[in-house]
Structures are given as structure tokens and as C-alpha cells.
Amino acid sequence: MYLSEVVDVFDDPHLMEFYDKAHSSLDEDRYISLGRLRDTVILFVVTTDKADGNTQIITARKATPKEQEIYYAHYKEETRGN
């Protein structure tokens, strides 16, 4: 997986984003995102907002089965009735 591919996960209309209190500090807030890439794989992405207004990707990996379960439950809830 390439960084240029990872950024596409943020185009997922069902992207989930959480504040990562456990890994944030006074100097840096971190966020966890779960999203689908190319309708094939769910990614777990950790980001932080930089002082210049840009977002930095800290790490990205394929979501675990439990993380995928969380994403698909969210997806089903959002698409219910559509």
C-alpha cells in the first residue's frame, strides 16, 4: 500500500473518525480513521493536524477483523433505508 493510495480513504462517505485520547499529548492531538479504500479493503489510519494546517498520516494499515466489524456496523446504520 502506498501513501498516495492511503489518502483516498478520506474520500469514503462512510469514513469514521475518532479522537485518540490514549495516544494524544499536550503537544499533539491524534485521530483514528476507519474507512474503505476502493471498495475492497478497510484501513485503520492514524493522523495528526500540523501547525501549518496540513494533516500528517502517522501510520496506516489494514483494519483488524474487529475494526472491520465496527466499520461495517457503522456502514449498515448509515445506509439503512437507502
Protein backbone atom coordinates (compact mmCIF):
# COMPACT_ATOMS: atom_id res chain seq x y z
CA MET A 1 0.00 0.00 0.00
CA TYR A 2 1.34 3.42 -0.97
CA LEU A 3 0.77 6.74 0.79
CA SER A 4 -0.77 8.07 -2.42
CA GLU A 5 -3.40 5.31 -2.10
CA VAL A 6 -3.99 5.79 1.63
CA VAL A 7 -5.17 9.39 1.21
CA ASP A 8 -8.07 8.10 -0.91
CA VAL A 9 -9.61 6.57 2.22
CA PHE A 10 -10.63 10.09 3.25
CA ASP A 11 -12.98 10.17 0.24
CA ASP A 12 -15.07 7.37 1.77
CA PRO A 13 -18.50 8.89 2.51
CA HIS A 14 -18.82 6.48 5.46
CA LEU A 15 -15.42 7.30 6.97
CA MET A 16 -15.34 7.05 10.76
CA GLU A 17 -13.08 9.38 12.73
CA PHE A 18 -12.27 9.25 16.44
CA TYR A 19 -10.13 11.36 18.73
CA ASP A 20 -7.31 9.14 20.05
CA LYS A 21 -7.11 10.26 23.67
CA ALA A 22 -4.77 7.41 24.63
CA HIS A 23 -2.06 8.49 22.18
CA SER A 24 -2.59 12.25 22.10
CA SER A 25 -0.45 14.62 24.15
CA LEU A 26 -0.42 18.29 25.09
CA ASP A 27 1.73 18.88 22.02
CA GLU A 28 -0.12 16.70 19.52
CA ASP A 29 -3.70 15.54 19.02
CA ARG A 30 -4.07 12.24 17.22
CA TYR A 31 -7.06 10.89 15.35
CA ILE A 32 -8.02 7.40 14.21
CA SER A 33 -9.94 6.90 10.98
CA LEU A 34 -11.60 3.76 9.66
CA GLY A 35 -12.53 3.86 6.01
CA ARG A 36 -12.90 1.83 2.87
CA LEU A 37 -10.35 2.07 0.08
CA ARG A 38 -11.51 1.30 -3.48
CA ASP A 39 -14.48 -0.71 -2.12
CA THR A 40 -12.08 -3.54 -1.31
CA VAL A 41 -10.20 -3.02 1.95
CA ILE A 42 -10.92 -1.28 5.25
CA LEU A 43 -7.99 0.79 6.53
CA PHE A 44 -7.04 1.95 10.03
CA VAL A 45 -5.28 5.32 9.69
CA VAL A 46 -3.73 7.50 12.42
CA THR A 47 -3.32 11.21 11.68
CA THR A 48 -2.41 14.46 13.38
CA ASP A 49 -3.06 18.07 12.41
CA LYS A 50 0.10 20.10 11.86
CA ALA A 51 0.59 23.78 12.77
CA ASP A 52 0.57 24.73 9.08
CA GLY A 53 -2.98 23.38 8.70
CA ASN A 54 -1.99 20.18 6.92
CA THR A 55 -2.83 16.69 8.10
CA GLN A 56 0.02 14.23 8.61
CA ILE A 57 -0.55 10.50 8.28
CA ILE A 58 1.36 8.79 11.08
CA THR A 59 0.52 5.21 10.17
CA ALA A 60 -1.89 3.20 8.03
CA ARG A 61 -2.64 -0.49 7.92
CA LYS A 62 -5.36 -2.94 7.02
CA ALA A 63 -8.04 -2.93 9.71
CA THR A 64 -8.25 -5.92 12.05
CA PRO A 65 -11.35 -8.13 11.88
CA LYS A 66 -12.78 -6.33 14.94
CA GLU A 67 -12.13 -2.90 13.38
CA GLN A 68 -13.77 -4.08 10.15
CA GLU A 69 -16.79 -5.21 12.19
CA ILE A 70 -17.05 -1.72 13.74
CA TYR A 71 -16.82 -0.09 10.32
CA TYR A 72 -19.47 -2.33 8.73
CA ALA A 73 -21.86 -1.84 11.68
CA HIS A 74 -21.47 1.92 11.17
CA TYR A 75 -21.92 1.49 7.40
CA LYS A 76 -25.12 -0.53 7.87
CA GLU A 77 -26.50 2.08 10.27
CA GLU A 78 -25.75 4.94 7.85
CA THR A 79 -27.19 3.18 4.81
CA ARG A 80 -30.29 1.75 6.48
CA GLY A 81 -33.35 2.64 4.49
CA ASN A 82 -31.46 3.82 1.41
